[in-house]
Amino acid sequence: MTSDPFSLLGIPVRYRLDRDDLQRRATRKASQLHPDRASDAIAAATCTDELATVHAAVRLLEDDLGRAETLLAIHGGPAPGEDRSLPDGFLESMLEIRMELEESHQRQDEAGRSRLESWAKEEWDARRGIVERLFDGDGSDPAHQPGSSDLAEIRRELNRWRYSQRMLEQIDPDMNALDL
């Protein structure tokens, strides 16, 4: 069984994702692999392992950041450890925002915390939109492929995106990124 979640589920290799289609394909694949369909215990164990792989692929594709990282790897883009670049001044601005968050927590300033949470969600949405555009273009060409400069820019955006994710986790540890 392939480790590429797109191929495994027959999903087009692009960032935009039809979640209903993903669920239909996953359900179809899961029904084919159900251990009750196996002819013996060894085949049932194999089906169970393959079914777990299908479930892991679905979770990965549903996760916006995970899907982006997977696509970047498929296209041969830089891994997180290979390129940690960020926009100029970004770390300084994040330090200021984190200090502001710490002050809001200490003062129990719910309005300040809420404002920072809104900022982090907007940052999350902005990064997701930029990454989607870089991977898929404007959507008019289903065969669009990102170029090498796009892949480098995607890596920078993903590096930046992780900061908004960590910020949201600091604000609300129970927040689930799949809900954004």
N, C-alpha and C. Protein backbone atom coordinates (compact mmCIF):
# COMPACT_ATOMS: atom_id res chain seq x y z
N MET A 1 0.85 -1.18 0.00
CA MET A 1 0.00 0.00 0.00
C MET A 1 0.90 1.24 0.00
N THR A 2 0.52 2.24 -0.76
CA THR A 2 1.33 3.46 -0.92
C THR A 2 1.29 4.34 0.32
N SER A 3 2.37 5.09 0.53
CA SER A 3 2.40 6.03 1.64
C SER A 3 1.90 7.42 1.22
N ASP A 4 1.62 7.60 -0.07
CA ASP A 4 1.08 8.86 -0.58
C ASP A 4 -0.43 8.86 -0.33
N PRO A 5 -0.91 9.72 0.59
CA PRO A 5 -2.33 9.68 0.93
C PRO A 5 -3.24 10.06 -0.24
N PHE A 6 -2.76 10.87 -1.16
CA PHE A 6 -3.57 11.25 -2.32
C PHE A 6 -3.80 10.03 -3.21
N SER A 7 -2.71 9.34 -3.54
CA SER A 7 -2.82 8.15 -4.38
C SER A 7 -3.63 7.05 -3.68
N LEU A 8 -3.37 6.87 -2.41
CA LEU A 8 -4.06 5.83 -1.65
C LEU A 8 -5.57 5.97 -1.77
N LEU A 9 -6.05 7.24 -1.71
CA LEU A 9 -7.49 7.48 -1.73
C LEU A 9 -8.02 7.93 -3.09
N GLY A 10 -7.12 8.03 -4.08
CA GLY A 10 -7.56 8.45 -5.41
C GLY A 10 -7.98 9.91 -5.45
N ILE A 11 -7.36 10.73 -4.61
CA ILE A 11 -7.68 12.16 -4.52
C ILE A 11 -6.70 12.91 -5.42
N PRO A 12 -7.18 13.91 -6.17
CA PRO A 12 -6.24 14.72 -6.98
C PRO A 12 -5.16 15.34 -6.10
N VAL A 13 -3.94 15.35 -6.62
CA VAL A 13 -2.79 15.88 -5.87
C VAL A 13 -2.79 17.40 -6.01
N ARG A 14 -3.55 18.04 -5.13
CA ARG A 14 -3.63 19.49 -5.07
C ARG A 14 -4.04 19.89 -3.66
N TYR A 15 -3.91 21.17 -3.38
CA TYR A 15 -4.21 21.63 -2.02
C TYR A 15 -5.72 21.70 -1.77
N ARG A 16 -6.46 22.27 -2.74
CA ARG A 16 -7.91 22.37 -2.55
C ARG A 16 -8.47 20.97 -2.39
N LEU A 17 -9.34 20.81 -1.43
CA LEU A 17 -9.83 19.49 -1.09
C LEU A 17 -11.35 19.52 -0.95
N ASP A 18 -12.01 18.62 -1.65
CA ASP A 18 -13.44 18.43 -1.48
C ASP A 18 -13.61 17.41 -0.34
N ARG A 19 -13.95 17.91 0.83
CA ARG A 19 -14.00 17.03 2.01
C ARG A 19 -15.09 15.96 1.89
N ASP A 20 -16.19 16.28 1.22
CA ASP A 20 -17.23 15.26 1.02
C ASP A 20 -16.71 14.14 0.12
N ASP A 21 -15.98 14.51 -0.94
CA ASP A 21 -15.39 13.51 -1.83
C ASP A 21 -14.37 12.66 -1.07
N LEU A 22 -13.56 13.32 -0.23
CA LEU A 22 -12.58 12.59 0.57
C LEU A 22 -13.29 11.55 1.45
N GLN A 23 -14.38 11.94 2.10
CA GLN A 23 -15.10 11.00 2.97
C GLN A 23 -15.72 9.86 2.17
N ARG A 24 -16.28 10.17 0.99
CA ARG A 24 -16.85 9.11 0.15
C ARG A 24 -15.78 8.10 -0.25
N ARG A 25 -14.63 8.61 -0.69
CA ARG A 25 -13.55 7.71 -1.13
C ARG A 25 -13.01 6.90 0.05
N ALA A 26 -12.87 7.54 1.20
CA ALA A 26 -12.37 6.83 2.38
C ALA A 26 -13.34 5.74 2.82
N THR A 27 -14.62 6.05 2.78
CA THR A 27 -15.63 5.06 3.16
C THR A 27 -15.62 3.88 2.20
N ARG A 28 -15.51 4.18 0.91
CA ARG A 28 -15.46 3.11 -0.10
C ARG A 28 -14.23 2.22 0.13
N LYS A 29 -13.09 2.87 0.35
CA LYS A 29 -11.84 2.13 0.57
C LYS A 29 -11.94 1.31 1.87
N ALA A 30 -12.49 1.90 2.90
CA ALA A 30 -12.63 1.20 4.18
C ALA A 30 -13.55 -0.01 4.05
N SER A 31 -14.61 0.12 3.27
CA SER A 31 -15.52 -1.02 3.11
C SER A 31 -14.83 -2.16 2.36
N GLN A 32 -13.93 -1.83 1.43
CA GLN A 32 -13.18 -2.86 0.71
C GLN A 32 -12.19 -3.57 1.63
N LEU A 33 -11.69 -2.85 2.62
CA LEU A 33 -10.65 -3.39 3.50
C LEU A 33 -11.17 -3.92 4.82
N HIS A 34 -12.47 -3.91 5.01
CA HIS A 34 -13.01 -4.34 6.30
C HIS A 34 -12.55 -5.77 6.60
N PRO A 35 -12.03 -6.00 7.80
CA PRO A 35 -11.51 -7.33 8.15
C PRO A 35 -12.53 -8.46 8.03
N ASP A 36 -13.82 -8.16 8.15
CA ASP A 36 -14.84 -9.21 8.01
C ASP A 36 -14.89 -9.78 6.60
N ARG A 37 -14.36 -9.04 5.64
CA ARG A 37 -14.35 -9.52 4.25
C ARG A 37 -13.18 -10.49 3.99
N ALA A 38 -12.26 -10.56 4.91
CA ALA A 38 -11.07 -11.38 4.73
C ALA A 38 -11.40 -12.88 4.81
N SER A 39 -10.61 -13.66 4.11
CA SER A 39 -10.85 -15.10 4.05
C SER A 39 -10.24 -15.86 5.22
N ASP A 40 -9.25 -15.25 5.90
CA ASP A 40 -8.63 -15.92 7.04
C ASP A 40 -8.06 -14.87 7.99
N ALA A 41 -7.51 -15.33 9.10
CA ALA A 41 -7.01 -14.42 10.13
C ALA A 41 -5.83 -13.58 9.65
N ILE A 42 -4.96 -14.15 8.84
CA ILE A 42 -3.81 -13.40 8.33
C ILE A 42 -4.28 -12.28 7.40
N ALA A 43 -5.21 -12.60 6.52
CA ALA A 43 -5.75 -11.58 5.61
C ALA A 43 -6.50 -10.51 6.41
N ALA A 44 -7.20 -10.91 7.47
CA ALA A 44 -7.92 -9.95 8.30
C ALA A 44 -6.94 -9.00 8.98
N ALA A 45 -5.81 -9.52 9.45
CA ALA A 45 -4.80 -8.66 10.08
C ALA A 45 -4.21 -7.69 9.07
N THR A 46 -3.98 -8.16 7.86
CA THR A 46 -3.47 -7.29 6.79
C THR A 46 -4.48 -6.19 6.49
N CYS A 47 -5.75 -6.56 6.40
CA CYS A 47 -6.80 -5.57 6.14
C CYS A 47 -6.86 -4.55 7.28
N THR A 48 -6.71 -4.99 8.50
CA THR A 48 -6.73 -4.09 9.64
C THR A 48 -5.60 -3.08 9.55
N ASP A 49 -4.41 -3.54 9.19
CA ASP A 49 -3.27 -2.64 9.02
C ASP A 49 -3.51 -1.64 7.90
N GLU A 50 -4.04 -2.13 6.77
CA GLU A 50 -4.30 -1.25 5.63
C GLU A 50 -5.41 -0.25 5.96
N LEU A 51 -6.38 -0.69 6.73
CA LEU A 51 -7.47 0.20 7.15
C LEU A 51 -6.94 1.32 8.04
N ALA A 52 -6.01 0.99 8.92
CA ALA A 52 -5.38 2.01 9.76
C ALA A 52 -4.62 3.02 8.90
N THR A 53 -4.00 2.55 7.83
CA THR A 53 -3.29 3.44 6.90
C THR A 53 -4.28 4.38 6.21
N VAL A 54 -5.44 3.87 5.84
CA VAL A 54 -6.48 4.71 5.22
C VAL A 54 -6.93 5.79 6.20
N HIS A 55 -7.19 5.41 7.44
CA HIS A 55 -7.63 6.38 8.44
C HIS A 55 -6.56 7.45 8.69
N ALA A 56 -5.30 7.04 8.71
CA ALA A 56 -4.20 8.00 8.90
C ALA A 56 -4.12 8.94 7.70
N ALA A 57 -4.35 8.43 6.50
CA ALA A 57 -4.32 9.27 5.29
C ALA A 57 -5.44 10.30 5.33
N VAL A 58 -6.61 9.90 5.76
CA VAL A 58 -7.74 10.83 5.87
C VAL A 58 -7.43 11.94 6.87
N ARG A 59 -6.91 11.54 8.05
CA ARG A 59 -6.56 12.56 9.06
C ARG A 59 -5.52 13.54 8.51
N LEU A 60 -4.54 13.04 7.80
CA LEU A 60 -3.50 13.90 7.24
C LEU A 60 -4.08 14.86 6.21
N LEU A 61 -4.93 14.36 5.32
CA LEU A 61 -5.50 15.22 4.28
C LEU A 61 -6.49 16.23 4.84
N GLU A 62 -7.16 15.90 5.92
CA GLU A 62 -8.09 16.85 6.54
C GLU A 62 -7.36 17.98 7.26
N ASP A 63 -6.13 17.76 7.63
CA ASP A 63 -5.32 18.75 8.34
C ASP A 63 -4.67 19.67 7.31
N ASP A 64 -5.06 20.94 7.30
CA ASP A 64 -4.55 21.88 6.28
C ASP A 64 -3.03 21.94 6.25
N LEU A 65 -2.40 22.04 7.42
CA LEU A 65 -0.93 22.10 7.46
C LEU A 65 -0.31 20.77 7.05
N GLY A 66 -0.85 19.68 7.53
CA GLY A 66 -0.33 18.36 7.17
C GLY A 66 -0.44 18.11 5.68
N ARG A 67 -1.58 18.49 5.08
CA ARG A 67 -1.76 18.33 3.64
C ARG A 67 -0.75 19.18 2.88
N ALA A 68 -0.52 20.40 3.35
CA ALA A 68 0.45 21.28 2.69
C ALA A 68 1.87 20.70 2.78
N GLU A 69 2.24 20.21 3.95
CA GLU A 69 3.58 19.61 4.12
C GLU A 69 3.74 18.39 3.21
N THR A 70 2.69 17.58 3.12
CA THR A 70 2.73 16.39 2.26
C THR A 70 2.87 16.79 0.80
N LEU A 71 2.09 17.77 0.37
CA LEU A 71 2.19 18.25 -1.01
C LEU A 71 3.57 18.81 -1.32
N LEU A 72 4.10 19.57 -0.39
CA LEU A 72 5.42 20.16 -0.59
C LEU A 72 6.45 19.05 -0.78
N ALA A 73 6.36 17.99 0.02
CA ALA A 73 7.29 16.86 -0.12
C ALA A 73 7.09 16.15 -1.47
N ILE A 74 5.84 15.95 -1.87
CA ILE A 74 5.55 15.29 -3.15
C ILE A 74 6.15 16.09 -4.30
N HIS A 75 6.07 17.42 -4.23
CA HIS A 75 6.60 18.28 -5.30
C HIS A 75 8.10 18.51 -5.18
N GLY A 76 8.72 17.93 -4.16
CA GLY A 76 10.17 18.07 -4.01
C GLY A 76 10.62 19.37 -3.36
N GLY A 77 9.72 20.01 -2.64
CA GLY A 77 10.05 21.26 -1.96
C GLY A 77 10.85 21.02 -0.70
N PRO A 78 11.38 22.09 -0.12
CA PRO A 78 12.22 21.95 1.08
C PRO A 78 11.41 21.50 2.31
N ALA A 79 12.03 20.63 3.09
CA ALA A 79 11.44 20.16 4.35
C ALA A 79 11.65 21.23 5.42
N PRO A 80 10.91 21.14 6.53
CA PRO A 80 11.06 22.15 7.58
C PRO A 80 12.50 22.32 8.07
N GLY A 81 13.24 21.25 8.18
CA GLY A 81 14.61 21.34 8.66
C GLY A 81 15.59 21.89 7.64
N GLU A 82 15.19 21.90 6.38
CA GLU A 82 16.06 22.38 5.31
C GLU A 82 15.96 23.88 5.09
N ASP A 83 14.83 24.45 5.46
CA ASP A 83 14.61 25.89 5.23
C ASP A 83 13.73 26.42 6.35
N ARG A 84 14.31 27.21 7.21
CA ARG A 84 13.57 27.79 8.34
C ARG A 84 13.34 29.29 8.13
N SER A 85 13.39 29.73 6.89
CA SER A 85 13.31 31.17 6.62
C SER A 85 11.93 31.73 6.95
N LEU A 86 11.95 33.00 7.32
CA LEU A 86 10.75 33.76 7.66
C LEU A 86 10.91 35.16 7.08
N PRO A 87 9.82 35.87 6.90
CA PRO A 87 9.93 37.26 6.40
C PRO A 87 10.74 38.12 7.37
N ASP A 88 11.42 39.12 6.82
CA ASP A 88 12.17 40.06 7.65
C ASP A 88 11.25 40.70 8.69
N GLY A 89 11.72 40.76 9.92
CA GLY A 89 10.96 41.40 10.99
C GLY A 89 9.87 40.55 11.60
N PHE A 90 9.65 39.37 11.05
CA PHE A 90 8.54 38.53 11.53
C PHE A 90 8.76 38.07 12.96
N LEU A 91 9.95 37.58 13.27
CA LEU A 91 10.20 37.09 14.63
C LEU A 91 10.05 38.19 15.66
N GLU A 92 10.50 39.39 15.32
CA GLU A 92 10.36 40.52 16.25
C GLU A 92 8.89 40.83 16.51
N SER A 93 8.09 40.80 15.44
CA SER A 93 6.66 41.08 15.62
C SER A 93 5.99 39.97 16.43
N MET A 94 6.41 38.73 16.23
CA MET A 94 5.84 37.62 17.02
C MET A 94 6.21 37.74 18.49
N LEU A 95 7.43 38.20 18.76
CA LEU A 95 7.84 38.40 20.14
C LEU A 95 6.94 39.44 20.81
N GLU A 96 6.67 40.52 20.12
CA GLU A 96 5.79 41.56 20.67
C GLU A 96 4.39 41.01 20.92
N ILE A 97 3.89 40.23 19.97
CA ILE A 97 2.54 39.66 20.12
C ILE A 97 2.50 38.67 21.27
N ARG A 98 3.51 37.85 21.40
CA ARG A 98 3.55 36.89 22.51
C ARG A 98 3.65 37.60 23.87
N MET A 99 4.40 38.69 23.91
CA MET A 99 4.48 39.48 25.15
C MET A 99 3.10 40.07 25.48
N GLU A 100 2.42 40.52 24.45
CA GLU A 100 1.07 41.06 24.63
C GLU A 100 0.12 39.98 25.14
N LEU A 101 0.26 38.76 24.61
CA LEU A 101 -0.56 37.65 25.06
C LEU A 101 -0.26 37.33 26.53
N GLU A 102 1.01 37.30 26.89
CA GLU A 102 1.40 37.03 28.28
C GLU A 102 0.81 38.08 29.22
N GLU A 103 0.86 39.34 28.81
CA GLU A 103 0.28 40.42 29.63
C GLU A 103 -1.23 40.24 29.77
N SER A 104 -1.88 39.84 28.68
CA SER A 104 -3.33 39.62 28.73
C SER A 104 -3.67 38.50 29.70
N HIS A 105 -2.86 37.43 29.67
CA HIS A 105 -3.08 36.32 30.61
C HIS A 105 -2.88 36.77 32.05
N GLN A 106 -1.81 37.51 32.29
CA GLN A 106 -1.52 37.95 33.65
C GLN A 106 -2.59 38.89 34.18
N ARG A 107 -3.09 39.79 33.33
CA ARG A 107 -4.13 40.75 33.76
C ARG A 107 -5.52 40.15 33.68
N GLN A 108 -5.60 38.91 33.18
CA GLN A 108 -6.89 38.25 32.94
C GLN A 108 -7.77 39.14 32.06
N ASP A 109 -7.14 39.68 31.03
CA ASP A 109 -7.79 40.58 30.08
C ASP A 109 -8.40 39.76 28.95
N GLU A 110 -9.67 39.42 29.10
CA GLU A 110 -10.35 38.59 28.11
C GLU A 110 -10.46 39.29 26.76
N ALA A 111 -10.69 40.59 26.77
CA ALA A 111 -10.79 41.34 25.50
C ALA A 111 -9.46 41.30 24.75
N GLY A 112 -8.35 41.46 25.47
CA GLY A 112 -7.03 41.39 24.83
C GLY A 112 -6.74 40.01 24.30
N ARG A 113 -7.09 38.99 25.06
CA ARG A 113 -6.89 37.61 24.62
C ARG A 113 -7.74 37.32 23.39
N SER A 114 -8.96 37.79 23.41
CA SER A 114 -9.87 37.58 22.28
C SER A 114 -9.37 38.27 21.01
N ARG A 115 -8.84 39.48 21.18
CA ARG A 115 -8.30 40.22 20.03
C ARG A 115 -7.11 39.47 19.43
N LEU A 116 -6.25 38.93 20.29
CA LEU A 116 -5.09 38.18 19.80
C LEU A 116 -5.51 36.86 19.16
N GLU A 117 -6.54 36.24 19.70
CA GLU A 117 -7.06 35.02 19.09
C GLU A 117 -7.60 35.32 17.69
N SER A 118 -8.32 36.43 17.56
CA SER A 118 -8.82 36.83 16.23
C SER A 118 -7.66 37.09 15.27
N TRP A 119 -6.62 37.77 15.77
CA TRP A 119 -5.44 38.02 14.93
C TRP A 119 -4.84 36.69 14.45
N ALA A 120 -4.68 35.73 15.38
CA ALA A 120 -4.06 34.45 15.03
C ALA A 120 -4.92 33.68 14.03
N LYS A 121 -6.24 33.73 14.18
CA LYS A 121 -7.13 33.05 13.22
C LYS A 121 -7.06 33.72 11.85
N GLU A 122 -6.99 35.04 11.82
CA GLU A 122 -6.85 35.75 10.54
C GLU A 122 -5.51 35.39 9.89
N GLU A 123 -4.47 35.31 10.70
CA GLU A 123 -3.15 34.92 10.20
C GLU A 123 -3.21 33.50 9.63
N TRP A 124 -3.87 32.61 10.34
CA TRP A 124 -4.05 31.23 9.89
C TRP A 124 -4.74 31.21 8.53
N ASP A 125 -5.86 31.93 8.43
CA ASP A 125 -6.61 31.96 7.17
C ASP A 125 -5.79 32.57 6.03
N ALA A 126 -5.04 33.62 6.33
CA ALA A 126 -4.21 34.26 5.30
C ALA A 126 -3.16 33.29 4.79
N ARG A 127 -2.48 32.60 5.70
CA ARG A 127 -1.45 31.64 5.28
C ARG A 127 -2.07 30.52 4.45
N ARG A 128 -3.21 30.01 4.90
CA ARG A 128 -3.87 28.93 4.17
C ARG A 128 -4.22 29.40 2.75
N GLY A 129 -4.73 30.61 2.62
CA GLY A 129 -5.09 31.13 1.30
C GLY A 129 -3.89 31.29 0.39
N ILE A 130 -2.79 31.80 0.92
CA ILE A 130 -1.57 31.98 0.12
C ILE A 130 -1.02 30.62 -0.31
N VAL A 131 -0.97 29.67 0.61
CA VAL A 131 -0.46 28.34 0.29
C VAL A 131 -1.33 27.68 -0.78
N GLU A 132 -2.64 27.80 -0.64
CA GLU A 132 -3.56 27.23 -1.63
C GLU A 132 -3.29 27.83 -3.01
N ARG A 133 -3.16 29.15 -3.08
CA ARG A 133 -2.92 29.81 -4.37
C ARG A 133 -1.58 29.37 -4.97
N LEU A 134 -0.55 29.25 -4.14
CA LEU A 134 0.76 28.84 -4.65
C LEU A 134 0.74 27.40 -5.15
N PHE A 135 0.04 26.51 -4.47
CA PHE A 135 -0.04 25.12 -4.91
C PHE A 135 -0.93 24.96 -6.14
N ASP A 136 -2.11 25.59 -6.11
CA ASP A 136 -3.15 25.30 -7.10
C ASP A 136 -3.37 26.39 -8.14
N GLY A 137 -2.68 27.51 -8.01
CA GLY A 137 -2.93 28.62 -8.93
C GLY A 137 -4.30 29.22 -8.64
N ASP A 138 -4.88 29.82 -9.64
CA ASP A 138 -6.18 30.47 -9.43
C ASP A 138 -7.35 29.49 -9.55
N GLY A 139 -7.04 28.23 -9.82
CA GLY A 139 -8.09 27.21 -9.90
C GLY A 139 -8.59 26.96 -11.31
N SER A 140 -8.20 27.81 -12.27
CA SER A 140 -8.68 27.66 -13.63
C SER A 140 -7.97 26.54 -14.39
N ASP A 141 -6.76 26.18 -13.94
CA ASP A 141 -5.98 25.14 -14.61
C ASP A 141 -5.78 23.97 -13.64
N PRO A 142 -6.56 22.89 -13.82
CA PRO A 142 -6.44 21.76 -12.89
C PRO A 142 -5.07 21.09 -12.93
N ALA A 143 -4.31 21.33 -13.98
CA ALA A 143 -2.98 20.72 -14.11
C ALA A 143 -1.87 21.63 -13.58
N HIS A 144 -2.25 22.75 -12.94
CA HIS A 144 -1.25 23.70 -12.44
C HIS A 144 -0.26 22.98 -11.51
N GLN A 145 1.02 23.27 -11.72
CA GLN A 145 2.08 22.72 -10.87
C GLN A 145 2.91 23.89 -10.34
N PRO A 146 3.21 23.89 -9.04
CA PRO A 146 4.03 24.98 -8.50
C PRO A 146 5.47 24.86 -9.00
N GLY A 147 6.08 26.02 -9.30
CA GLY A 147 7.47 26.05 -9.72
C GLY A 147 8.39 26.05 -8.51
N SER A 148 9.70 26.04 -8.77
CA SER A 148 10.66 25.97 -7.66
C SER A 148 10.59 27.21 -6.78
N SER A 149 10.35 28.39 -7.37
CA SER A 149 10.23 29.58 -6.52
C SER A 149 8.94 29.53 -5.69
N ASP A 150 7.88 28.93 -6.25
CA ASP A 150 6.64 28.74 -5.49
C ASP A 150 6.88 27.81 -4.30
N LEU A 151 7.66 26.74 -4.52
CA LEU A 151 7.92 25.79 -3.45
C LEU A 151 8.70 26.44 -2.31
N ALA A 152 9.66 27.30 -2.66
CA ALA A 152 10.41 28.02 -1.62
C ALA A 152 9.49 28.98 -0.87
N GLU A 153 8.61 29.65 -1.59
CA GLU A 153 7.68 30.57 -0.93
C GLU A 153 6.68 29.80 -0.06
N ILE A 154 6.24 28.64 -0.52
CA ILE A 154 5.34 27.81 0.28
C ILE A 154 6.02 27.43 1.59
N ARG A 155 7.29 27.06 1.53
CA ARG A 155 8.01 26.70 2.76
C ARG A 155 8.03 27.86 3.73
N ARG A 156 8.31 29.08 3.23
CA ARG A 156 8.32 30.26 4.12
C ARG A 156 6.95 30.49 4.73
N GLU A 157 5.90 30.33 3.92
CA GLU A 157 4.54 30.52 4.42
C GLU A 157 4.19 29.46 5.47
N LEU A 158 4.62 28.22 5.24
CA LEU A 158 4.35 27.17 6.23
C LEU A 158 5.11 27.43 7.52
N ASN A 159 6.34 27.91 7.40
CA ASN A 159 7.10 28.27 8.60
C ASN A 159 6.35 29.35 9.39
N ARG A 160 5.85 30.33 8.68
CA ARG A 160 5.10 31.42 9.32
C ARG A 160 3.78 30.91 9.89
N TRP A 161 3.12 30.03 9.16
CA TRP A 161 1.83 29.47 9.56
C TRP A 161 1.95 28.75 10.89
N ARG A 162 3.05 28.06 11.09
CA ARG A 162 3.26 27.32 12.35
C ARG A 162 3.23 28.26 13.56
N TYR A 163 3.69 29.49 13.38
CA TYR A 163 3.67 30.45 14.49
C TYR A 163 2.23 30.79 14.87
N SER A 164 1.36 30.98 13.89
CA SER A 164 -0.04 31.27 14.23
C SER A 164 -0.69 30.04 14.86
N GLN A 165 -0.30 28.85 14.44
CA GLN A 165 -0.83 27.64 15.05
C GLN A 165 -0.41 27.56 16.53
N ARG A 166 0.87 27.82 16.79
CA ARG A 166 1.35 27.77 18.19
C ARG A 166 0.67 28.85 19.03
N MET A 167 0.44 30.00 18.42
CA MET A 167 -0.23 31.09 19.13
C MET A 167 -1.65 30.67 19.53
N LEU A 168 -2.36 30.05 18.59
CA LEU A 168 -3.72 29.59 18.89
C LEU A 168 -3.70 28.51 19.98
N GLU A 169 -2.71 27.64 19.94
CA GLU A 169 -2.59 26.61 20.97
C GLU A 169 -2.31 27.23 22.34
N GLN A 170 -1.52 28.30 22.36
CA GLN A 170 -1.24 28.98 23.63
C GLN A 170 -2.50 29.66 24.17
N ILE A 171 -3.26 30.26 23.29
CA ILE A 171 -4.48 30.96 23.70
C ILE A 171 -5.52 29.96 24.20
N ASP A 172 -5.70 28.88 23.44
CA ASP A 172 -6.70 27.89 23.79
C ASP A 172 -6.13 26.50 23.50
N PRO A 173 -5.59 25.83 24.53
CA PRO A 173 -4.98 24.51 24.33
C PRO A 173 -5.95 23.46 23.80
N ASP A 174 -7.26 23.70 23.96
CA ASP A 174 -8.24 22.74 23.48
C ASP A 174 -8.66 22.98 22.03
N MET A 175 -8.11 24.03 21.41
CA MET A 175 -8.48 24.37 20.06
C MET A 175 -7.99 23.29 19.11
N ASN A 176 -8.85 22.90 18.17
CA ASN A 176 -8.51 21.91 17.17
C ASN A 176 -8.35 22.62 15.83
N ALA A 177 -7.17 22.51 15.25
CA ALA A 177 -6.89 23.19 13.99
C ALA A 177 -7.83 22.74 12.89
N LEU A 178 -8.38 21.53 12.98
CA LEU A 178 -9.30 21.06 11.95
C LEU A 178 -10.61 21.84 11.96
N ASP A 179 -10.87 22.55 13.07
CA ASP A 179 -12.09 23.35 13.17
C ASP A 179 -11.95 24.72 12.57
N LEU A 180 -10.74 25.12 12.19
CA LEU A 180 -10.54 26.47 11.65
C LEU A 180 -10.94 26.55 10.20
